[in-house]
Amino acid sequence: MLNIGLGYIGVGIAIGVGLFGAALGIGKLASAALEGTARQPEAAGSLQTLMIIAAALIEGLGLFALVIAFLAVATLNKSLQTGEPAAPASVEAAHR
């Protein structure tokens, strides 16, 4: 039971780190685009297009991390309902 609790904690940390990294990436991207627009205002249109494409890719990565975390939680919940360990028996035996 302790292993499942630690699994939930690990999933929570993974969600936090994954989405925090995506937020930092989008913030850095927007900062660089605004700085580029301030330096060269006539290039604002092309910078905005490039920024939106890159932001969509970063956001997609964050959503991908979130989906993986939800799948991990669903696996942990399934193991609680069935009473079977979430990890294979060989992994459980190695940690005892």
PDB file of N, CA and C in Angstrom:
ATOM      1  N   MET A   1       0.818  -1.195   0.000  1.00  0.00           N
ATOM      2  CA  MET A   1       0.000   0.000   0.000  1.00  0.00           C
ATOM      3  C   MET A   1       0.864   1.262   0.000  1.00  0.00           C
ATOM      4  N   LEU A   2       2.002   1.200   0.660  1.00  0.00           N
ATOM      5  CA  LEU A   2       2.904   2.345   0.683  1.00  0.00           C
ATOM      6  C   LEU A   2       3.426   2.645  -0.715  1.00  0.00           C
ATOM      7  N   ASN A   3       3.683   1.606  -1.503  1.00  0.00           N
ATOM      8  CA  ASN A   3       4.180   1.816  -2.860  1.00  0.00           C
ATOM      9  C   ASN A   3       3.170   2.559  -3.719  1.00  0.00           C
ATOM     10  N   ILE A   4       1.890   2.272  -3.523  1.00  0.00           N
ATOM     11  CA  ILE A   4       0.864   2.961  -4.301  1.00  0.00           C
ATOM     12  C   ILE A   4       0.786   4.427  -3.877  1.00  0.00           C
ATOM     13  N   GLY A   5       0.896   4.688  -2.595  1.00  0.00           N
ATOM     14  CA  GLY A   5       0.912   6.072  -2.124  1.00  0.00           C
ATOM     15  C   GLY A   5       2.090   6.850  -2.673  1.00  0.00           C
ATOM     16  N   LEU A   6       3.240   6.200  -2.693  1.00  0.00           N
ATOM     17  CA  LEU A   6       4.414   6.852  -3.275  1.00  0.00           C
ATOM     18  C   LEU A   6       4.248   7.058  -4.780  1.00  0.00           C
ATOM     19  N   GLY A   7       3.509   6.156  -5.411  1.00  0.00           N
ATOM     20  CA  GLY A   7       3.209   6.319  -6.837  1.00  0.00           C
ATOM     21  C   GLY A   7       2.382   7.564  -7.090  1.00  0.00           C
ATOM     22  N   TYR A   8       1.369   7.804  -6.227  1.00  0.00           N
ATOM     23  CA  TYR A   8       0.558   9.010  -6.366  1.00  0.00           C
ATOM     24  C   TYR A   8       1.404  10.266  -6.159  1.00  0.00           C
ATOM     25  N   ILE A   9       2.290  10.230  -5.187  1.00  0.00           N
ATOM     26  CA  ILE A   9       3.174  11.379  -4.950  1.00  0.00           C
ATOM     27  C   ILE A   9       4.070  11.610  -6.168  1.00  0.00           C
ATOM     28  N   GLY A  10       4.608  10.534  -6.731  1.00  0.00           N
ATOM     29  CA  GLY A  10       5.455  10.650  -7.914  1.00  0.00           C
ATOM     30  C   GLY A  10       4.710  11.223  -9.105  1.00  0.00           C
ATOM     31  N   VAL A  11       3.460  10.801  -9.284  1.00  0.00           N
ATOM     32  CA  VAL A  11       2.657  11.338 -10.390  1.00  0.00           C
ATOM     33  C   VAL A  11       2.388  12.826 -10.170  1.00  0.00           C
ATOM     34  N   GLY A  12       2.107  13.210  -8.936  1.00  0.00           N
ATOM     35  CA  GLY A  12       1.891  14.632  -8.640  1.00  0.00           C
ATOM     36  C   GLY A  12       3.113  15.478  -8.921  1.00  0.00           C
ATOM     37  N   ILE A  13       4.269  14.968  -8.533  1.00  0.00           N
ATOM     38  CA  ILE A  13       5.515  15.695  -8.806  1.00  0.00           C
ATOM     39  C   ILE A  13       5.770  15.767 -10.311  1.00  0.00           C
ATOM     40  N   ALA A  14       5.499  14.678 -11.017  1.00  0.00           N
ATOM     41  CA  ALA A  14       5.709  14.666 -12.461  1.00  0.00           C
ATOM     42  C   ALA A  14       4.804  15.676 -13.167  1.00  0.00           C
ATOM     43  N   ILE A  15       3.550  15.759 -12.740  1.00  0.00           N
ATOM     44  CA  ILE A  15       2.640  16.749 -13.331  1.00  0.00           C
ATOM     45  C   ILE A  15       3.161  18.156 -13.071  1.00  0.00           C
ATOM     46  N   GLY A  16       3.551  18.419 -11.837  1.00  0.00           N
ATOM     47  CA  GLY A  16       4.047  19.752 -11.490  1.00  0.00           C
ATOM     48  C   GLY A  16       5.278  20.142 -12.263  1.00  0.00           C
ATOM     49  N   VAL A  17       6.250  19.251 -12.346  1.00  0.00           N
ATOM     50  CA  VAL A  17       7.495  19.557 -13.051  1.00  0.00           C
ATOM     51  C   VAL A  17       7.244  19.699 -14.551  1.00  0.00           C
ATOM     52  N   GLY A  18       6.435  18.809 -15.113  1.00  0.00           N
ATOM     53  CA  GLY A  18       6.158  18.869 -16.543  1.00  0.00           C
ATOM     54  C   GLY A  18       5.447  20.139 -16.957  1.00  0.00           C
ATOM     55  N   LEU A  19       4.419  20.511 -16.226  1.00  0.00           N
ATOM     56  CA  LEU A  19       3.680  21.711 -16.580  1.00  0.00           C
ATOM     57  C   LEU A  19       4.435  22.984 -16.214  1.00  0.00           C
ATOM     58  N   PHE A  20       5.251  22.933 -15.170  1.00  0.00           N
ATOM     59  CA  PHE A  20       6.087  24.086 -14.825  1.00  0.00           C
ATOM     60  C   PHE A  20       7.108  24.337 -15.934  1.00  0.00           C
ATOM     61  N   GLY A  21       7.685  23.269 -16.457  1.00  0.00           N
ATOM     62  CA  GLY A  21       8.639  23.411 -17.563  1.00  0.00           C
ATOM     63  C   GLY A  21       7.984  23.983 -18.799  1.00  0.00           C
ATOM     64  N   ALA A  22       6.772  23.546 -19.103  1.00  0.00           N
ATOM     65  CA  ALA A  22       6.048  24.084 -20.255  1.00  0.00           C
ATOM     66  C   ALA A  22       5.736  25.565 -20.050  1.00  0.00           C
ATOM     67  N   ALA A  23       5.339  25.934 -18.840  1.00  0.00           N
ATOM     68  CA  ALA A  23       5.048  27.338 -18.554  1.00  0.00           C
ATOM     69  C   ALA A  23       6.294  28.202 -18.680  1.00  0.00           C
ATOM     70  N   LEU A  24       7.429  27.705 -18.196  1.00  0.00           N
ATOM     71  CA  LEU A  24       8.677  28.453 -18.351  1.00  0.00           C
ATOM     72  C   LEU A  24       9.050  28.610 -19.819  1.00  0.00           C
ATOM     73  N   GLY A  25       8.850  27.564 -20.606  1.00  0.00           N
ATOM     74  CA  GLY A  25       9.161  27.628 -22.029  1.00  0.00           C
ATOM     75  C   GLY A  25       8.313  28.645 -22.755  1.00  0.00           C
ATOM     76  N   ILE A  26       7.015  28.679 -22.464  1.00  0.00           N
ATOM     77  CA  ILE A  26       6.135  29.648 -23.116  1.00  0.00           C
ATOM     78  C   ILE A  26       6.462  31.064 -22.663  1.00  0.00           C
ATOM     79  N   GLY A  27       6.791  31.230 -21.393  1.00  0.00           N
ATOM     80  CA  GLY A  27       7.175  32.553 -20.899  1.00  0.00           C
ATOM     81  C   GLY A  27       8.446  33.069 -21.558  1.00  0.00           C
ATOM     82  N   LYS A  28       9.434  32.206 -21.687  1.00  0.00           N
ATOM     83  CA  LYS A  28      10.688  32.588 -22.348  1.00  0.00           C
ATOM     84  C   LYS A  28      10.444  32.915 -23.825  1.00  0.00           C
ATOM     85  N   LEU A  29       9.597  32.124 -24.463  1.00  0.00           N
ATOM     86  CA  LEU A  29       9.264  32.350 -25.864  1.00  0.00           C
ATOM     87  C   LEU A  29       8.576  33.693 -26.064  1.00  0.00           C
ATOM     88  N   ALA A  30       7.597  34.002 -25.238  1.00  0.00           N
ATOM     89  CA  ALA A  30       6.888  35.278 -25.358  1.00  0.00           C
ATOM     90  C   ALA A  30       7.811  36.452 -25.071  1.00  0.00           C
ATOM     91  N   SER A  31       8.688  36.291 -24.093  1.00  0.00           N
ATOM     92  CA  SER A  31       9.647  37.349 -23.772  1.00  0.00           C
ATOM     93  C   SER A  31      10.574  37.637 -24.951  1.00  0.00           C
ATOM     94  N   ALA A  32      11.082  36.583 -25.565  1.00  0.00           N
ATOM     95  CA  ALA A  32      11.981  36.765 -26.703  1.00  0.00           C
ATOM     96  C   ALA A  32      11.250  37.369 -27.896  1.00  0.00           C
ATOM     97  N   ALA A  33      10.003  36.976 -28.117  1.00  0.00           N
ATOM     98  CA  ALA A  33       9.239  37.529 -29.235  1.00  0.00           C
ATOM     99  C   ALA A  33       8.940  39.009 -29.016  1.00  0.00           C
ATOM    100  N   LEU A  34       8.587  39.377 -27.788  1.00  0.00           N
ATOM    101  CA  LEU A  34       8.328  40.791 -27.509  1.00  0.00           C
ATOM    102  C   LEU A  34       9.595  41.626 -27.633  1.00  0.00           C
ATOM    103  N   GLU A  35      10.712  41.074 -27.195  1.00  0.00           N
ATOM    104  CA  GLU A  35      11.982  41.792 -27.328  1.00  0.00           C
ATOM    105  C   GLU A  35      12.350  41.963 -28.802  1.00  0.00           C
ATOM    106  N   GLY A  36      12.123  40.931 -29.593  1.00  0.00           N
ATOM    107  CA  GLY A  36      12.402  41.025 -31.026  1.00  0.00           C
ATOM    108  C   GLY A  36      11.504  42.036 -31.707  1.00  0.00           C
ATOM    109  N   THR A  37      10.236  42.101 -31.292  1.00  0.00           N
ATOM    110  CA  THR A  37       9.313  43.082 -31.860  1.00  0.00           C
ATOM    111  C   THR A  37       9.715  44.494 -31.464  1.00  0.00           C
ATOM    112  N   ALA A  38      10.196  44.673 -30.244  1.00  0.00           N
ATOM    113  CA  ALA A  38      10.625  46.001 -29.801  1.00  0.00           C
ATOM    114  C   ALA A  38      11.861  46.459 -30.568  1.00  0.00           C
ATOM    115  N   ARG A  39      12.729  45.545 -30.898  1.00  0.00           N
ATOM    116  CA  ARG A  39      13.950  45.910 -31.627  1.00  0.00           C
ATOM    117  C   ARG A  39      13.683  46.158 -33.112  1.00  0.00           C
ATOM    118  N   GLN A  40      12.751  45.395 -33.680  1.00  0.00           N
ATOM    119  CA  GLN A  40      12.484  45.502 -35.105  1.00  0.00           C
ATOM    120  C   GLN A  40      10.969  45.397 -35.330  1.00  0.00           C
ATOM    121  N   PRO A  41      10.253  46.501 -35.186  1.00  0.00           N
ATOM    122  CA  PRO A  41       8.780  46.468 -35.243  1.00  0.00           C
ATOM    123  C   PRO A  41       8.221  45.962 -36.574  1.00  0.00           C
ATOM    124  N   GLU A  42       8.951  46.142 -37.663  1.00  0.00           N
ATOM    125  CA  GLU A  42       8.415  45.705 -38.961  1.00  0.00           C
ATOM    126  C   GLU A  42       8.378  44.183 -39.099  1.00  0.00           C
ATOM    127  N   ALA A  43       9.073  43.458 -38.234  1.00  0.00           N
ATOM    128  CA  ALA A  43       9.078  41.993 -38.277  1.00  0.00           C
ATOM    129  C   ALA A  43       8.071  41.380 -37.302  1.00  0.00           C
ATOM    130  N   ALA A  44       7.170  42.195 -36.768  1.00  0.00           N
ATOM    131  CA  ALA A  44       6.237  41.719 -35.746  1.00  0.00           C
ATOM    132  C   ALA A  44       5.329  40.602 -36.268  1.00  0.00           C
ATOM    133  N   GLY A  45       4.877  40.708 -37.498  1.00  0.00           N
ATOM    134  CA  GLY A  45       3.969  39.691 -38.047  1.00  0.00           C
ATOM    135  C   GLY A  45       4.610  38.323 -38.145  1.00  0.00           C
ATOM    136  N   SER A  46       5.823  38.268 -38.679  1.00  0.00           N
ATOM    137  CA  SER A  46       6.493  36.971 -38.806  1.00  0.00           C
ATOM    138  C   SER A  46       6.912  36.421 -37.445  1.00  0.00           C
ATOM    139  N   LEU A  47       7.301  37.313 -36.525  1.00  0.00           N
ATOM    140  CA  LEU A  47       7.654  36.855 -35.171  1.00  0.00           C
ATOM    141  C   LEU A  47       6.438  36.282 -34.460  1.00  0.00           C
ATOM    142  N   GLN A  48       5.286  36.911 -34.650  1.00  0.00           N
ATOM    143  CA  GLN A  48       4.074  36.423 -34.002  1.00  0.00           C
ATOM    144  C   GLN A  48       3.694  35.048 -34.536  1.00  0.00           C
ATOM    145  N   THR A  49       3.819  34.855 -35.837  1.00  0.00           N
ATOM    146  CA  THR A  49       3.499  33.553 -36.423  1.00  0.00           C
ATOM    147  C   THR A  49       4.426  32.474 -35.883  1.00  0.00           C
ATOM    148  N   LEU A  50       5.703  32.758 -35.851  1.00  0.00           N
ATOM    149  CA  LEU A  50       6.665  31.786 -35.324  1.00  0.00           C
ATOM    150  C   LEU A  50       6.424  31.513 -33.841  1.00  0.00           C
ATOM    151  N   MET A  51       6.058  32.559 -33.102  1.00  0.00           N
ATOM    152  CA  MET A  51       5.807  32.388 -31.676  1.00  0.00           C
ATOM    153  C   MET A  51       4.591  31.497 -31.432  1.00  0.00           C
ATOM    154  N   ILE A  52       3.544  31.683 -32.205  1.00  0.00           N
ATOM    155  CA  ILE A  52       2.335  30.879 -32.014  1.00  0.00           C
ATOM    156  C   ILE A  52       2.605  29.419 -32.336  1.00  0.00           C
ATOM    157  N   ILE A  53       3.375  29.148 -33.386  1.00  0.00           N
ATOM    158  CA  ILE A  53       3.705  27.765 -33.736  1.00  0.00           C
ATOM    159  C   ILE A  53       4.515  27.115 -32.620  1.00  0.00           C
ATOM    160  N   ALA A  54       5.533  27.809 -32.139  1.00  0.00           N
ATOM    161  CA  ALA A  54       6.370  27.259 -31.067  1.00  0.00           C
ATOM    162  C   ALA A  54       5.575  27.095 -29.771  1.00  0.00           C
ATOM    163  N   ALA A  55       4.704  28.044 -29.460  1.00  0.00           N
ATOM    164  CA  ALA A  55       3.886  27.942 -28.246  1.00  0.00           C
ATOM    165  C   ALA A  55       2.939  26.744 -28.323  1.00  0.00           C
ATOM    166  N   ALA A  56       2.406  26.472 -29.509  1.00  0.00           N
ATOM    167  CA  ALA A  56       1.526  25.321 -29.663  1.00  0.00           C
ATOM    168  C   ALA A  56       2.296  24.019 -29.444  1.00  0.00           C
ATOM    169  N   LEU A  57       3.527  23.956 -29.927  1.00  0.00           N
ATOM    170  CA  LEU A  57       4.335  22.762 -29.716  1.00  0.00           C
ATOM    171  C   LEU A  57       4.663  22.571 -28.236  1.00  0.00           C
ATOM    172  N   ILE A  58       5.005  23.644 -27.551  1.00  0.00           N
ATOM    173  CA  ILE A  58       5.315  23.554 -26.120  1.00  0.00           C
ATOM    174  C   ILE A  58       4.069  23.162 -25.336  1.00  0.00           C
ATOM    175  N   GLU A  59       2.932  23.753 -25.691  1.00  0.00           N
ATOM    176  CA  GLU A  59       1.682  23.433 -25.001  1.00  0.00           C
ATOM    177  C   GLU A  59       1.290  21.976 -25.244  1.00  0.00           C
ATOM    178  N   GLY A  60       1.540  21.502 -26.450  1.00  0.00           N
ATOM    179  CA  GLY A  60       1.269  20.099 -26.749  1.00  0.00           C
ATOM    180  C   GLY A  60       2.100  19.171 -25.894  1.00  0.00           C
ATOM    181  N   LEU A  61       3.341  19.537 -25.664  1.00  0.00           N
ATOM    182  CA  LEU A  61       4.213  18.732 -24.800  1.00  0.00           C
ATOM    183  C   LEU A  61       3.692  18.715 -23.369  1.00  0.00           C
ATOM    184  N   GLY A  62       3.218  19.862 -22.886  1.00  0.00           N
ATOM    185  CA  GLY A  62       2.637  19.917 -21.547  1.00  0.00           C
ATOM    186  C   GLY A  62       1.381  19.073 -21.432  1.00  0.00           C
ATOM    187  N   LEU A  63       0.530  19.117 -22.448  1.00  0.00           N
ATOM    188  CA  LEU A  63      -0.679  18.295 -22.433  1.00  0.00           C
ATOM    189  C   LEU A  63      -0.345  16.813 -22.530  1.00  0.00           C
ATOM    190  N   PHE A  64       0.693  16.481 -23.284  1.00  0.00           N
ATOM    191  CA  PHE A  64       1.131  15.089 -23.385  1.00  0.00           C
ATOM    192  C   PHE A  64       1.581  14.585 -22.016  1.00  0.00           C
ATOM    193  N   ALA A  65       2.319  15.398 -21.274  1.00  0.00           N
ATOM    194  CA  ALA A  65       2.749  15.019 -19.924  1.00  0.00           C
ATOM    195  C   ALA A  65       1.538  14.845 -19.002  1.00  0.00           C
ATOM    196  N   LEU A  66       0.540  15.697 -19.166  1.00  0.00           N
ATOM    197  CA  LEU A  66      -0.666  15.600 -18.348  1.00  0.00           C
ATOM    198  C   LEU A  66      -1.448  14.322 -18.649  1.00  0.00           C
ATOM    199  N   VAL A  67      -1.542  13.950 -19.919  1.00  0.00           N
ATOM    200  CA  VAL A  67      -2.247  12.722 -20.297  1.00  0.00           C
ATOM    201  C   VAL A  67      -1.522  11.500 -19.735  1.00  0.00           C
ATOM    202  N   ILE A  68      -0.201  11.489 -19.819  1.00  0.00           N
ATOM    203  CA  ILE A  68       0.565  10.370 -19.269  1.00  0.00           C
ATOM    204  C   ILE A  68       0.352  10.265 -17.759  1.00  0.00           C
ATOM    205  N   ALA A  69       0.307  11.410 -17.069  1.00  0.00           N
ATOM    206  CA  ALA A  69       0.073  11.388 -15.626  1.00  0.00           C
ATOM    207  C   ALA A  69      -1.322  10.850 -15.306  1.00  0.00           C
ATOM    208  N   PHE A  70      -2.335  11.233 -16.084  1.00  0.00           N
ATOM    209  CA  PHE A  70      -3.683  10.709 -15.856  1.00  0.00           C
ATOM    210  C   PHE A  70      -3.730   9.203 -16.094  1.00  0.00           C
ATOM    211  N   LEU A  71      -3.015   8.729 -17.104  1.00  0.00           N
ATOM    212  CA  LEU A  71      -2.966   7.287 -17.351  1.00  0.00           C
ATOM    213  C   LEU A  71      -2.277   6.556 -16.200  1.00  0.00           C
ATOM    214  N   ALA A  72      -1.240   7.170 -15.633  1.00  0.00           N
ATOM    215  CA  ALA A  72      -0.556   6.559 -14.490  1.00  0.00           C
ATOM    216  C   ALA A  72      -1.481   6.489 -13.280  1.00  0.00           C
ATOM    217  N   VAL A  73      -2.246   7.542 -13.043  1.00  0.00           N
ATOM    218  CA  VAL A  73      -3.195   7.532 -11.927  1.00  0.00           C
ATOM    219  C   VAL A  73      -4.284   6.486 -12.163  1.00  0.00           C
ATOM    220  N   ALA A  74      -4.745   6.358 -13.394  1.00  0.00           N
ATOM    221  CA  ALA A  74      -5.760   5.340 -13.693  1.00  0.00           C
ATOM    222  C   ALA A  74      -5.204   3.944 -13.438  1.00  0.00           C
ATOM    223  N   THR A  75      -3.935   3.720 -13.772  1.00  0.00           N
ATOM    224  CA  THR A  75      -3.308   2.422 -13.501  1.00  0.00           C
ATOM    225  C   THR A  75      -3.195   2.171 -12.001  1.00  0.00           C
ATOM    226  N   LEU A  76      -2.826   3.197 -11.250  1.00  0.00           N
ATOM    227  CA  LEU A  76      -2.747   3.051  -9.795  1.00  0.00           C
ATOM    228  C   LEU A  76      -4.129   2.774  -9.197  1.00  0.00           C
ATOM    229  N   ASN A  77      -5.148   3.468  -9.684  1.00  0.00           N
ATOM    230  CA  ASN A  77      -6.509   3.231  -9.186  1.00  0.00           C
ATOM    231  C   ASN A  77      -6.977   1.818  -9.518  1.00  0.00           C
ATOM    232  N   LYS A  78      -6.636   1.355 -10.703  1.00  0.00           N
ATOM    233  CA  LYS A  78      -7.022  -0.003 -11.104  1.00  0.00           C
ATOM    234  C   LYS A  78      -6.358  -1.042 -10.197  1.00  0.00           C
ATOM    235  N   SER A  79      -5.092  -0.794  -9.836  1.00  0.00           N
ATOM    236  CA  SER A  79      -4.403  -1.740  -8.961  1.00  0.00           C
ATOM    237  C   SER A  79      -4.997  -1.728  -7.556  1.00  0.00           C
ATOM    238  N   LEU A  80      -5.532  -0.592  -7.127  1.00  0.00           N
ATOM    239  CA  LEU A  80      -6.199  -0.542  -5.822  1.00  0.00           C
ATOM    240  C   LEU A  80      -7.497  -1.338  -5.842  1.00  0.00           C
ATOM    241  N   GLN A  81      -8.234  -1.255  -6.930  1.00  0.00           N
ATOM    242  CA  GLN A  81      -9.524  -1.938  -7.006  1.00  0.00           C
ATOM    243  C   GLN A  81      -9.360  -3.446  -7.122  1.00  0.00           C
ATOM    244  N   THR A  82      -8.355  -3.894  -7.879  1.00  0.00           N
ATOM    245  CA  THR A  82      -8.177  -5.330  -8.078  1.00  0.00           C
ATOM    246  C   THR A  82      -7.342  -5.971  -6.993  1.00  0.00           C
ATOM    247  N   GLY A  83      -6.584  -5.179  -6.266  1.00  0.00           N
ATOM    248  CA  GLY A  83      -5.722  -5.724  -5.221  1.00  0.00           C
ATOM    249  C   GLY A  83      -4.397  -6.241  -5.742  1.00  0.00           C
ATOM    250  N   GLU A  84      -4.171  -6.130  -7.035  1.00  0.00           N
ATOM    251  CA  GLU A  84      -2.910  -6.571  -7.617  1.00  0.00           C
ATOM    252  C   GLU A  84      -1.909  -5.422  -7.553  1.00  0.00           C
ATOM    253  N   PRO A  85      -0.626  -5.735  -7.454  1.00  0.00           N
ATOM    254  CA  PRO A  85       0.371  -4.665  -7.443  1.00  0.00           C
ATOM    255  C   PRO A  85       0.436  -3.974  -8.804  1.00  0.00           C
ATOM    256  N   ALA A  86       0.765  -2.679  -8.786  1.00  0.00           N
ATOM    257  CA  ALA A  86       0.860  -1.914 -10.023  1.00  0.00           C
ATOM    258  C   ALA A  86       2.082  -2.330 -10.818  1.00  0.00           C
ATOM    259  N   ALA A  87       3.131  -2.778 -10.139  1.00  0.00           N
ATOM    260  CA  ALA A  87       4.359  -3.201 -10.804  1.00  0.00           C
ATOM    261  C   ALA A  87       4.360  -4.723 -10.940  1.00  0.00           C
ATOM    262  N   PRO A  88       5.115  -5.246 -11.896  1.00  0.00           N
ATOM    263  CA  PRO A  88       5.226  -6.706 -12.008  1.00  0.00           C
ATOM    264  C   PRO A  88       5.819  -7.319 -10.746  1.00  0.00           C
ATOM    265  N   ALA A  89       5.577  -8.609 -10.540  1.00  0.00           N
ATOM    266  CA  ALA A  89       6.018  -9.288  -9.322  1.00  0.00           C
ATOM    267  C   ALA A  89       7.530  -9.260  -9.183  1.00  0.00           C
ATOM    268  N   SER A  90       8.259  -9.304 -10.280  1.00  0.00           N
ATOM    269  CA  SER A  90       9.724  -9.293 -10.195  1.00  0.00           C
ATOM    270  C   SER A  90      10.233  -7.969  -9.640  1.00  0.00           C
ATOM    271  N   VAL A  91       9.563  -6.864  -9.987  1.00  0.00           N
ATOM    272  CA  VAL A  91       9.958  -5.555  -9.455  1.00  0.00           C
ATOM    273  C   VAL A  91       9.612  -5.466  -7.974  1.00  0.00           C
ATOM    274  N   GLU A  92       8.439  -5.970  -7.593  1.00  0.00           N
ATOM    275  CA  GLU A  92       8.035  -5.958  -6.191  1.00  0.00           C
ATOM    276  C   GLU A  92       8.996  -6.794  -5.346  1.00  0.00           C
ATOM    277  N   ALA A  93       9.435  -7.948  -5.845  1.00  0.00           N
ATOM    278  CA  ALA A  93      10.338  -8.815  -5.094  1.00  0.00           C
ATOM    279  C   ALA A  93      11.720  -8.182  -4.941  1.00  0.00           C
ATOM    280  N   ALA A  94      12.131  -7.428  -5.898  1.00  0.00           N
ATOM    281  CA  ALA A  94      13.443  -6.781  -5.835  1.00  0.00           C
ATOM    282  C   ALA A  94      13.484  -5.684  -4.771  1.00  0.00           C
ATOM    283  N   HIS A  95      12.359  -5.102  -4.470  1.00  0.00           N
ATOM    284  CA  HIS A  95      12.311  -3.996  -3.496  1.00  0.00           C
ATOM    285  C   HIS A  95      12.035  -4.469  -2.076  1.00  0.00           C
ATOM    286  N   ARG A  96      11.874  -5.747  -1.850  1.00  0.00           N
ATOM    287  CA  ARG A  96      11.594  -6.244  -0.497  1.00  0.00           C
ATOM    288  C   ARG A  96      12.833  -6.579   0.236  1.00  0.00           C
TER     289      ARG A  96
END
